Amino acid sequence: MRLILVIGALATMASCGPRVSGAVGTACIDAGRSAASPALCSCVQQVADQTLSRREQSRAAEFFADPQMAQDTRQSDNSSNEAFWLRYKAFSEQATRSCRSVT
């Protein structure tokens, strides 16, 4: 009987769709863009987990709310900003490739 209840609970949880978590995924959803969906933002978060440190993810998440910050980082002459921008750009390109088919 317990096995049936556990299987039922797991099936119910799986039918709820992807859960958005992480700094980037949450920022993606919170930005309110029309293309944002839990599935897409979860995919983007998965790529962030693979390519950016937690600290870098927090920094990248700020770009969703403040695009000017992204522009300032990109144009910065500071070597640490330049290094971060290269990692962020690689993350962005990978997310675009990996999440293109997610609706």
PDB file of N, CA and C in Angstrom:
ATOM      1  N   MET A   1       0.823  -1.192   0.000  1.00  0.00           N
ATOM      2  CA  MET A   1       0.000   0.000   0.000  1.00  0.00           C
ATOM      3  C   MET A   1       0.868   1.256   0.000  1.00  0.00           C
ATOM      4  N   ARG A   2       1.931   1.235   0.808  1.00  0.00           N
ATOM      5  CA  ARG A   2       2.819   2.398   0.852  1.00  0.00           C
ATOM      6  C   ARG A   2       3.461   2.642  -0.501  1.00  0.00           C
ATOM      7  N   LEU A   3       3.830   1.559  -1.176  1.00  0.00           N
ATOM      8  CA  LEU A   3       4.448   1.686  -2.481  1.00  0.00           C
ATOM      9  C   LEU A   3       3.511   2.393  -3.452  1.00  0.00           C
ATOM     10  N   ILE A   4       2.259   2.063  -3.413  1.00  0.00           N
ATOM     11  CA  ILE A   4       1.274   2.702  -4.291  1.00  0.00           C
ATOM     12  C   ILE A   4       1.166   4.189  -3.967  1.00  0.00           C
ATOM     13  N   LEU A   5       1.167   4.547  -2.688  1.00  0.00           N
ATOM     14  CA  LEU A   5       1.101   5.947  -2.294  1.00  0.00           C
ATOM     15  C   LEU A   5       2.341   6.716  -2.739  1.00  0.00           C
ATOM     16  N   VAL A   6       3.503   6.113  -2.593  1.00  0.00           N
ATOM     17  CA  VAL A   6       4.747   6.763  -3.006  1.00  0.00           C
ATOM     18  C   VAL A   6       4.754   6.967  -4.512  1.00  0.00           C
ATOM     19  N   ILE A   7       4.375   5.963  -5.268  1.00  0.00           N
ATOM     20  CA  ILE A   7       4.330   6.081  -6.729  1.00  0.00           C
ATOM     21  C   ILE A   7       3.331   7.159  -7.142  1.00  0.00           C
ATOM     22  N   GLY A   8       2.183   7.190  -6.484  1.00  0.00           N
ATOM     23  CA  GLY A   8       1.181   8.221  -6.781  1.00  0.00           C
ATOM     24  C   GLY A   8       1.702   9.615  -6.472  1.00  0.00           C
ATOM     25  N   ALA A   9       2.399   9.763  -5.352  1.00  0.00           N
ATOM     26  CA  ALA A   9       2.956  11.070  -4.991  1.00  0.00           C
ATOM     27  C   ALA A   9       4.005  11.507  -5.997  1.00  0.00           C
ATOM     28  N   LEU A  10       4.868  10.585  -6.412  1.00  0.00           N
ATOM     29  CA  LEU A  10       5.894  10.916  -7.391  1.00  0.00           C
ATOM     30  C   LEU A  10       5.278  11.289  -8.740  1.00  0.00           C
ATOM     31  N   ALA A  11       4.257  10.581  -9.145  1.00  0.00           N
ATOM     32  CA  ALA A  11       3.581  10.889 -10.403  1.00  0.00           C
ATOM     33  C   ALA A  11       2.931  12.261 -10.341  1.00  0.00           C
ATOM     34  N   THR A  12       2.345  12.593  -9.216  1.00  0.00           N
ATOM     35  CA  THR A  12       1.723  13.900  -9.051  1.00  0.00           C
ATOM     36  C   THR A  12       2.773  15.004  -9.110  1.00  0.00           C
ATOM     37  N   MET A  13       3.900  14.800  -8.439  1.00  0.00           N
ATOM     38  CA  MET A  13       4.959  15.798  -8.446  1.00  0.00           C
ATOM     39  C   MET A  13       5.538  15.965  -9.845  1.00  0.00           C
ATOM     40  N   ALA A  14       5.698  14.889 -10.564  1.00  0.00           N
ATOM     41  CA  ALA A  14       6.264  14.960 -11.907  1.00  0.00           C
ATOM     42  C   ALA A  14       5.345  15.693 -12.867  1.00  0.00           C
ATOM     43  N   SER A  15       4.041  15.619 -12.641  1.00  0.00           N
ATOM     44  CA  SER A  15       3.093  16.272 -13.534  1.00  0.00           C
ATOM     45  C   SER A  15       3.014  17.769 -13.308  1.00  0.00           C
ATOM     46  N   CYS A  16       3.628  18.260 -12.261  1.00  0.00           N
ATOM     47  CA  CYS A  16       3.588  19.689 -11.969  1.00  0.00           C
ATOM     48  C   CYS A  16       4.508  20.490 -12.875  1.00  0.00           C
ATOM     49  N   GLY A  17       5.351  19.845 -13.639  1.00  0.00           N
ATOM     50  CA  GLY A  17       6.267  20.543 -14.520  1.00  0.00           C
ATOM     51  C   GLY A  17       7.546  20.905 -13.801  1.00  0.00           C
ATOM     52  N   PRO A  18       8.444  21.537 -14.533  1.00  0.00           N
ATOM     53  CA  PRO A  18       9.739  21.869 -13.940  1.00  0.00           C
ATOM     54  C   PRO A  18       9.605  22.928 -12.857  1.00  0.00           C
ATOM     55  N   ARG A  19      10.380  22.771 -11.828  1.00  0.00           N
ATOM     56  CA  ARG A  19      10.431  23.753 -10.758  1.00  0.00           C
ATOM     57  C   ARG A  19      11.624  24.659 -11.041  1.00  0.00           C
ATOM     58  N   VAL A  20      11.384  25.942 -10.953  1.00  0.00           N
ATOM     59  CA  VAL A  20      12.442  26.906 -11.205  1.00  0.00           C
ATOM     60  C   VAL A  20      13.137  27.215  -9.889  1.00  0.00           C
ATOM     61  N   SER A  21      14.442  27.043  -9.892  1.00  0.00           N
ATOM     62  CA  SER A  21      15.226  27.362  -8.711  1.00  0.00           C
ATOM     63  C   SER A  21      16.553  27.938  -9.176  1.00  0.00           C
ATOM     64  N   GLY A  22      17.367  28.338  -8.235  1.00  0.00           N
ATOM     65  CA  GLY A  22      18.653  28.916  -8.557  1.00  0.00           C
ATOM     66  C   GLY A  22      18.527  30.388  -8.897  1.00  0.00           C
ATOM     67  N   ALA A  23      19.620  31.103  -8.762  1.00  0.00           N
ATOM     68  CA  ALA A  23      19.611  32.551  -8.959  1.00  0.00           C
ATOM     69  C   ALA A  23      19.220  32.935 -10.387  1.00  0.00           C
ATOM     70  N   VAL A  24      19.785  32.251 -11.366  1.00  0.00           N
ATOM     71  CA  VAL A  24      19.519  32.590 -12.760  1.00  0.00           C
ATOM     72  C   VAL A  24      18.100  32.194 -13.155  1.00  0.00           C
ATOM     73  N   GLY A  25      17.682  31.000 -12.787  1.00  0.00           N
ATOM     74  CA  GLY A  25      16.333  30.545 -13.113  1.00  0.00           C
ATOM     75  C   GLY A  25      15.261  31.425 -12.493  1.00  0.00           C
ATOM     76  N   THR A  26      15.460  31.795 -11.258  1.00  0.00           N
ATOM     77  CA  THR A  26      14.501  32.657 -10.571  1.00  0.00           C
ATOM     78  C   THR A  26      14.471  34.041 -11.213  1.00  0.00           C
ATOM     79  N   ALA A  27      15.643  34.583 -11.528  1.00  0.00           N
ATOM     80  CA  ALA A  27      15.704  35.892 -12.181  1.00  0.00           C
ATOM     81  C   ALA A  27      15.036  35.845 -13.554  1.00  0.00           C
ATOM     82  N   CYS A  28      15.207  34.745 -14.250  1.00  0.00           N
ATOM     83  CA  CYS A  28      14.582  34.546 -15.560  1.00  0.00           C
ATOM     84  C   CYS A  28      13.063  34.645 -15.442  1.00  0.00           C
ATOM     85  N   ILE A  29      12.494  33.946 -14.500  1.00  0.00           N
ATOM     86  CA  ILE A  29      11.044  33.985 -14.283  1.00  0.00           C
ATOM     87  C   ILE A  29      10.600  35.371 -13.811  1.00  0.00           C
ATOM     88  N   ASP A  30      11.323  35.927 -12.848  1.00  0.00           N
ATOM     89  CA  ASP A  30      10.937  37.201 -12.253  1.00  0.00           C
ATOM     90  C   ASP A  30      11.040  38.375 -13.215  1.00  0.00           C
ATOM     91  N   ALA A  31      11.847  38.240 -14.265  1.00  0.00           N
ATOM     92  CA  ALA A  31      12.017  39.331 -15.222  1.00  0.00           C
ATOM     93  C   ALA A  31      10.732  39.609 -15.997  1.00  0.00           C
ATOM     94  N   GLY A  32       9.842  38.617 -16.062  1.00  0.00           N
ATOM     95  CA  GLY A  32       8.538  38.824 -16.683  1.00  0.00           C
ATOM     96  C   GLY A  32       8.546  38.948 -18.199  1.00  0.00           C
ATOM     97  N   ARG A  33       9.559  38.439 -18.833  1.00  0.00           N
ATOM     98  CA  ARG A  33       9.588  38.494 -20.298  1.00  0.00           C
ATOM     99  C   ARG A  33       8.578  37.497 -20.872  1.00  0.00           C
ATOM    100  N   SER A  34       8.010  37.829 -22.007  1.00  0.00           N
ATOM    101  CA  SER A  34       6.928  37.012 -22.569  1.00  0.00           C
ATOM    102  C   SER A  34       7.375  35.592 -22.917  1.00  0.00           C
ATOM    103  N   ALA A  35       8.616  35.405 -23.307  1.00  0.00           N
ATOM    104  CA  ALA A  35       9.097  34.071 -23.690  1.00  0.00           C
ATOM    105  C   ALA A  35       9.488  33.220 -22.486  1.00  0.00           C
ATOM    106  N   ALA A  36       9.586  33.835 -21.320  1.00  0.00           N
ATOM    107  CA  ALA A  36      10.007  33.094 -20.127  1.00  0.00           C
ATOM    108  C   ALA A  36       8.928  32.101 -19.717  1.00  0.00           C
ATOM    109  N   SER A  37       9.355  30.893 -19.452  1.00  0.00           N
ATOM    110  CA  SER A  37       8.457  29.852 -18.953  1.00  0.00           C
ATOM    111  C   SER A  37       9.241  29.049 -17.922  1.00  0.00           C
ATOM    112  N   PRO A  38       8.545  28.324 -17.057  1.00  0.00           N
ATOM    113  CA  PRO A  38       9.283  27.489 -16.109  1.00  0.00           C
ATOM    114  C   PRO A  38      10.231  26.509 -16.803  1.00  0.00           C
ATOM    115  N   ALA A  39       9.812  25.935 -17.910  1.00  0.00           N
ATOM    116  CA  ALA A  39      10.670  24.982 -18.618  1.00  0.00           C
ATOM    117  C   ALA A  39      11.916  25.672 -19.167  1.00  0.00           C
ATOM    118  N   LEU A  40      11.734  26.825 -19.799  1.00  0.00           N
ATOM    119  CA  LEU A  40      12.869  27.541 -20.365  1.00  0.00           C
ATOM    120  C   LEU A  40      13.821  28.026 -19.273  1.00  0.00           C
ATOM    121  N   CYS A  41      13.272  28.625 -18.224  1.00  0.00           N
ATOM    122  CA  CYS A  41      14.113  29.166 -17.151  1.00  0.00           C
ATOM    123  C   CYS A  41      14.830  28.048 -16.387  1.00  0.00           C
ATOM    124  N   SER A  42      14.202  26.889 -16.267  1.00  0.00           N
ATOM    125  CA  SER A  42      14.870  25.737 -15.650  1.00  0.00           C
ATOM    126  C   SER A  42      16.024  25.259 -16.513  1.00  0.00           C
ATOM    127  N   CYS A  43      15.823  25.261 -17.822  1.00  0.00           N
ATOM    128  CA  CYS A  43      16.894  24.868 -18.742  1.00  0.00           C
ATOM    129  C   CYS A  43      18.068  25.838 -18.629  1.00  0.00           C
ATOM    130  N   VAL A  44      17.775  27.121 -18.613  1.00  0.00           N
ATOM    131  CA  VAL A  44      18.827  28.134 -18.501  1.00  0.00           C
ATOM    132  C   VAL A  44      19.581  27.950 -17.180  1.00  0.00           C
ATOM    133  N   GLN A  45      18.861  27.647 -16.104  1.00  0.00           N
ATOM    134  CA  GLN A  45      19.510  27.419 -14.815  1.00  0.00           C
ATOM    135  C   GLN A  45      20.420  26.194 -14.869  1.00  0.00           C
ATOM    136  N   GLN A  46      19.985  25.153 -15.557  1.00  0.00           N
ATOM    137  CA  GLN A  46      20.816  23.957 -15.679  1.00  0.00           C
ATOM    138  C   GLN A  46      22.130  24.276 -16.388  1.00  0.00           C
ATOM    139  N   VAL A  47      22.061  25.098 -17.426  1.00  0.00           N
ATOM    140  CA  VAL A  47      23.284  25.498 -18.127  1.00  0.00           C
ATOM    141  C   VAL A  47      24.152  26.354 -17.200  1.00  0.00           C
ATOM    142  N   ALA A  48      23.530  27.250 -16.447  1.00  0.00           N
ATOM    143  CA  ALA A  48      24.281  28.075 -15.496  1.00  0.00           C
ATOM    144  C   ALA A  48      25.003  27.188 -14.478  1.00  0.00           C
ATOM    145  N   ASP A  49      24.315  26.157 -13.996  1.00  0.00           N
ATOM    146  CA  ASP A  49      24.937  25.237 -13.032  1.00  0.00           C
ATOM    147  C   ASP A  49      26.165  24.554 -13.613  1.00  0.00           C
ATOM    148  N   GLN A  50      26.157  24.321 -14.914  1.00  0.00           N
ATOM    149  CA  GLN A  50      27.266  23.635 -15.570  1.00  0.00           C
ATOM    150  C   GLN A  50      28.410  24.576 -15.937  1.00  0.00           C
ATOM    151  N   THR A  51      28.131  25.870 -16.071  1.00  0.00           N
ATOM    152  CA  THR A  51      29.140  26.771 -16.634  1.00  0.00           C
ATOM    153  C   THR A  51      29.583  27.907 -15.715  1.00  0.00           C
ATOM    154  N   LEU A  52      28.794  28.245 -14.717  1.00  0.00           N
ATOM    155  CA  LEU A  52      29.115  29.383 -13.850  1.00  0.00           C
ATOM    156  C   LEU A  52      29.159  28.954 -12.388  1.00  0.00           C
ATOM    157  N   SER A  53      30.036  29.570 -11.628  1.00  0.00           N
ATOM    158  CA  SER A  53      30.050  29.335 -10.180  1.00  0.00           C
ATOM    159  C   SER A  53      28.795  29.973  -9.566  1.00  0.00           C
ATOM    160  N   ARG A  54      28.516  29.637  -8.326  1.00  0.00           N
ATOM    161  CA  ARG A  54      27.347  30.234  -7.658  1.00  0.00           C
ATOM    162  C   ARG A  54      27.469  31.758  -7.589  1.00  0.00           C
ATOM    163  N   ARG A  55      28.653  32.227  -7.305  1.00  0.00           N
ATOM    164  CA  ARG A  55      28.866  33.676  -7.238  1.00  0.00           C
ATOM    165  C   ARG A  55      28.623  34.314  -8.605  1.00  0.00           C
ATOM    166  N   GLU A  56      29.119  33.671  -9.652  1.00  0.00           N
ATOM    167  CA  GLU A  56      28.899  34.182 -11.008  1.00  0.00           C
ATOM    168  C   GLU A  56      27.425  34.128 -11.387  1.00  0.00           C
ATOM    169  N   GLN A  57      26.725  33.092 -10.925  1.00  0.00           N
ATOM    170  CA  GLN A  57      25.295  33.005 -11.194  1.00  0.00           C
ATOM    171  C   GLN A  57      24.548  34.161 -10.540  1.00  0.00           C
ATOM    172  N   SER A  58      24.915  34.508  -9.320  1.00  0.00           N
ATOM    173  CA  SER A  58      24.279  35.643  -8.641  1.00  0.00           C
ATOM    174  C   SER A  58      24.518  36.930  -9.413  1.00  0.00           C
ATOM    175  N   ARG A  59      25.722  37.088  -9.883  1.00  0.00           N
ATOM    176  CA  ARG A  59      26.058  38.285 -10.653  1.00  0.00           C
ATOM    177  C   ARG A  59      25.284  38.305 -11.980  1.00  0.00           C
ATOM    178  N   ALA A  60      25.231  37.176 -12.662  1.00  0.00           N
ATOM    179  CA  ALA A  60      24.507  37.093 -13.930  1.00  0.00           C
ATOM    180  C   ALA A  60      23.010  37.336 -13.732  1.00  0.00           C
ATOM    181  N   ALA A  61      22.475  36.876 -12.622  1.00  0.00           N
ATOM    182  CA  ALA A  61      21.045  37.062 -12.336  1.00  0.00           C
ATOM    183  C   ALA A  61      20.690  38.544 -12.257  1.00  0.00           C
ATOM    184  N   GLU A  62      21.621  39.349 -11.804  1.00  0.00           N
ATOM    185  CA  GLU A  62      21.368  40.789 -11.717  1.00  0.00           C
ATOM    186  C   GLU A  62      21.147  41.404 -13.097  1.00  0.00           C
ATOM    187  N   PHE A  63      21.701  40.808 -14.133  1.00  0.00           N
ATOM    188  CA  PHE A  63      21.540  41.333 -15.484  1.00  0.00           C
ATOM    189  C   PHE A  63      20.090  41.282 -15.953  1.00  0.00           C
ATOM    190  N   PHE A  64      19.311  40.326 -15.445  1.00  0.00           N
ATOM    191  CA  PHE A  64      17.907  40.227 -15.850  1.00  0.00           C
ATOM    192  C   PHE A  64      17.126  41.460 -15.398  1.00  0.00           C
ATOM    193  N   ALA A  65      17.417  41.934 -14.204  1.00  0.00           N
ATOM    194  CA  ALA A  65      16.715  43.095 -13.656  1.00  0.00           C
ATOM    195  C   ALA A  65      17.350  44.409 -14.091  1.00  0.00           C
ATOM    196  N   ASP A  66      18.640  44.386 -14.401  1.00  0.00           N
ATOM    197  CA  ASP A  66      19.362  45.610 -14.725  1.00  0.00           C
ATOM    198  C   ASP A  66      20.254  45.387 -15.945  1.00  0.00           C
ATOM    199  N   PRO A  67      19.662  45.456 -17.152  1.00  0.00           N
ATOM    200  CA  PRO A  67      20.453  45.233 -18.365  1.00  0.00           C
ATOM    201  C   PRO A  67      21.617  46.224 -18.511  1.00  0.00           C
ATOM    202  N   GLN A  68      21.487  47.398 -17.931  1.00  0.00           N
ATOM    203  CA  GLN A  68      22.577  48.365 -17.999  1.00  0.00           C
ATOM    204  C   GLN A  68      23.817  47.834 -17.285  1.00  0.00           C
ATOM    205  N   MET A  69      23.615  47.059 -16.225  1.00  0.00           N
ATOM    206  CA  MET A  69      24.741  46.457 -15.510  1.00  0.00           C
ATOM    207  C   MET A  69      25.505  45.503 -16.433  1.00  0.00           C
ATOM    208  N   ALA A  70      24.778  44.780 -17.255  1.00  0.00           N
ATOM    209  CA  ALA A  70      25.424  43.885 -18.217  1.00  0.00           C
ATOM    210  C   ALA A  70      26.246  44.695 -19.216  1.00  0.00           C
ATOM    211  N   GLN A  71      25.668  45.759 -19.701  1.00  0.00           N
ATOM    212  CA  GLN A  71      26.369  46.619 -20.653  1.00  0.00           C
ATOM    213  C   GLN A  71      27.625  47.222 -20.024  1.00  0.00           C
ATOM    214  N   ASP A  72      27.511  47.697 -18.795  1.00  0.00           N
ATOM    215  CA  ASP A  72      28.660  48.278 -18.095  1.00  0.00           C
ATOM    216  C   ASP A  72      29.764  47.244 -17.881  1.00  0.00           C
ATOM    217  N   THR A  73      29.366  46.019 -17.551  1.00  0.00           N
ATOM    218  CA  THR A  73      30.338  44.939 -17.356  1.00  0.00           C
ATOM    219  C   THR A  73      31.041  44.615 -18.666  1.00  0.00           C
ATOM    220  N   ARG A  74      30.262  44.536 -19.731  1.00  0.00           N
ATOM    221  CA  ARG A  74      30.818  44.207 -21.051  1.00  0.00           C
ATOM    222  C   ARG A  74      31.830  45.257 -21.496  1.00  0.00           C
ATOM    223  N   GLN A  75      31.565  46.521 -21.210  1.00  0.00           N
ATOM    224  CA  GLN A  75      32.422  47.610 -21.677  1.00  0.00           C
ATOM    225  C   GLN A  75      33.548  47.960 -20.702  1.00  0.00           C
ATOM    226  N   SER A  76      33.566  47.312 -19.561  1.00  0.00           N
ATOM    227  CA  SER A  76      34.545  47.630 -18.533  1.00  0.00           C
ATOM    228  C   SER A  76      35.971  47.297 -18.968  1.00  0.00           C
ATOM    229  N   ASP A  77      36.899  48.122 -18.496  1.00  0.00           N
ATOM    230  CA  ASP A  77      38.319  47.862 -18.731  1.00  0.00           C
ATOM    231  C   ASP A  77      38.951  47.062 -17.595  1.00  0.00           C
ATOM    232  N   ASN A  78      38.165  46.768 -16.580  1.00  0.00           N
ATOM    233  CA  ASN A  78      38.636  46.006 -15.425  1.00  0.00           C
ATOM    234  C   ASN A  78      38.855  44.550 -15.854  1.00  0.00           C
ATOM    235  N   SER A  79      40.017  44.003 -15.547  1.00  0.00           N
ATOM    236  CA  SER A  79      40.339  42.644 -16.011  1.00  0.00           C
ATOM    237  C   SER A  79      39.411  41.581 -15.427  1.00  0.00           C
ATOM    238  N   SER A  80      38.974  41.743 -14.185  1.00  0.00           N
ATOM    239  CA  SER A  80      38.058  40.740 -13.614  1.00  0.00           C
ATOM    240  C   SER A  80      36.683  40.827 -14.282  1.00  0.00           C
ATOM    241  N   ASN A  81      36.233  42.028 -14.627  1.00  0.00           N
ATOM    242  CA  ASN A  81      34.973  42.167 -15.362  1.00  0.00           C
ATOM    243  C   ASN A  81      35.092  41.560 -16.754  1.00  0.00           C
ATOM    244  N   GLU A  82      36.237  41.780 -17.393  1.00  0.00           N
ATOM    245  CA  GLU A  82      36.446  41.214 -18.727  1.00  0.00           C
ATOM    246  C   GLU A  82      36.441  39.683 -18.679  1.00  0.00           C
ATOM    247  N   ALA A  83      37.083  39.115 -17.684  1.00  0.00           N
ATOM    248  CA  ALA A  83      37.119  37.653 -17.538  1.00  0.00           C
ATOM    249  C   ALA A  83      35.723  37.104 -17.257  1.00  0.00           C
ATOM    250  N   PHE A  84      34.992  37.788 -16.374  1.00  0.00           N
ATOM    251  CA  PHE A  84      33.624  37.358 -16.095  1.00  0.00           C
ATOM    252  C   PHE A  84      32.777  37.453 -17.358  1.00  0.00           C
ATOM    253  N   TRP A  85      32.922  38.536 -18.101  1.00  0.00           N
ATOM    254  CA  TRP A  85      32.103  38.706 -19.301  1.00  0.00           C
ATOM    255  C   TRP A  85      32.342  37.567 -20.294  1.00  0.00           C
ATOM    256  N   LEU A  86      33.566  37.130 -20.439  1.00  0.00           N
ATOM    257  CA  LEU A  86      33.852  36.011 -21.345  1.00  0.00           C
ATOM    258  C   LEU A  86      33.155  34.730 -20.876  1.00  0.00           C
ATOM    259  N   ARG A  87      33.165  34.478 -19.561  1.00  0.00           N
ATOM    260  CA  ARG A  87      32.465  33.297 -19.025  1.00  0.00           C
ATOM    261  C   ARG A  87      30.956  33.452 -19.173  1.00  0.00           C
ATOM    262  N   TYR A  88      30.448  34.652 -18.938  1.00  0.00           N
ATOM    263  CA  TYR A  88      29.009  34.915 -19.088  1.00  0.00           C
ATOM    264  C   TYR A  88      28.585  34.736 -20.547  1.00  0.00           C
ATOM    265  N   LYS A  89      29.391  35.241 -21.460  1.00  0.00           N
ATOM    266  CA  LYS A  89      29.089  35.110 -22.887  1.00  0.00           C
ATOM    267  C   LYS A  89      29.059  33.636 -23.297  1.00  0.00           C
ATOM    268  N   ALA A  90      30.014  32.866 -22.811  1.00  0.00           N
ATOM    269  CA  ALA A  90      30.030  31.424 -23.110  1.00  0.00           C
ATOM    270  C   ALA A  90      28.785  30.746 -22.541  1.00  0.00           C
ATOM    271  N   PHE A  91      28.398  31.121 -21.312  1.00  0.00           N
ATOM    272  CA  PHE A  91      27.171  30.590 -20.710  1.00  0.00           C
ATOM    273  C   PHE A  91      25.968  30.946 -21.582  1.00  0.00           C
ATOM    274  N   SER A  92      25.868  32.197 -21.980  1.00  0.00           N
ATOM    275  CA  SER A  92      24.739  32.661 -22.774  1.00  0.00           C
ATOM    276  C   SER A  92      24.628  31.916 -24.101  1.00  0.00           C
ATOM    277  N   GLU A  93      25.758  31.718 -24.749  1.00  0.00           N
ATOM    278  CA  GLU A  93      25.766  30.990 -26.019  1.00  0.00           C
ATOM    279  C   GLU A  93      25.357  29.530 -25.828  1.00  0.00           C
ATOM    280  N   GLN A  94      25.855  28.911 -24.759  1.00  0.00           N
ATOM    281  CA  GLN A  94      25.496  27.519 -24.476  1.00  0.00           C
ATOM    282  C   GLN A  94      24.009  27.405 -24.129  1.00  0.00           C
ATOM    283  N   ALA A  95      23.491  28.344 -23.349  1.00  0.00           N
ATOM    284  CA  ALA A  95      22.069  28.326 -23.002  1.00  0.00           C
ATOM    285  C   ALA A  95      21.209  28.491 -24.251  1.00  0.00           C
ATOM    286  N   THR A  96      21.629  29.346 -25.149  1.00  0.00           N
ATOM    287  CA  THR A  96      20.893  29.541 -26.391  1.00  0.00           C
ATOM    288  C   THR A  96      20.835  28.239 -27.197  1.00  0.00           C
ATOM    289  N   ARG A  97      21.970  27.570 -27.288  1.00  0.00           N
ATOM    290  CA  ARG A  97      21.999  26.292 -28.031  1.00  0.00           C
ATOM    291  C   ARG A  97      21.186  25.205 -27.333  1.00  0.00           C
ATOM    292  N   SER A  98      21.386  25.088 -26.024  1.00  0.00           N
ATOM    293  CA  SER A  98      20.768  23.988 -25.267  1.00  0.00           C
ATOM    294  C   SER A  98      19.271  24.165 -25.061  1.00  0.00           C
ATOM    295  N   CYS A  99      18.833  25.395 -24.943  1.00  0.00           N
ATOM    296  CA  CYS A  99      17.442  25.645 -24.546  1.00  0.00           C
ATOM    297  C   CYS A  99      16.576  26.124 -25.700  1.00  0.00           C
ATOM    298  N   ARG A 100      17.117  26.152 -26.893  1.00  0.00           N
ATOM    299  CA  ARG A 100      16.396  26.655 -28.066  1.00  0.00           C
ATOM    300  C   ARG A 100      15.063  25.928 -28.276  1.00  0.00           C
ATOM    301  N   SER A 101      15.032  24.635 -28.064  1.00  0.00           N
ATOM    302  CA  SER A 101      13.826  23.862 -28.364  1.00  0.00           C
ATOM    303  C   SER A 101      12.851  23.783 -27.186  1.00  0.00           C
ATOM    304  N   VAL A 102      13.201  24.390 -26.071  1.00  0.00           N
ATOM    305  CA  VAL A 102      12.331  24.353 -24.891  1.00  0.00           C
ATOM    306  C   VAL A 102      11.258  25.416 -25.032  1.00  0.00           C
ATOM    307  N   THR A 103      10.034  25.012 -24.772  1.00  0.00           N
ATOM    308  CA  THR A 103       8.929  25.985 -24.875  1.00  0.00           C
ATOM    309  C   THR A 103       8.362  26.309 -23.531  1.00  0.00           C
TER     310      THR A 103
END
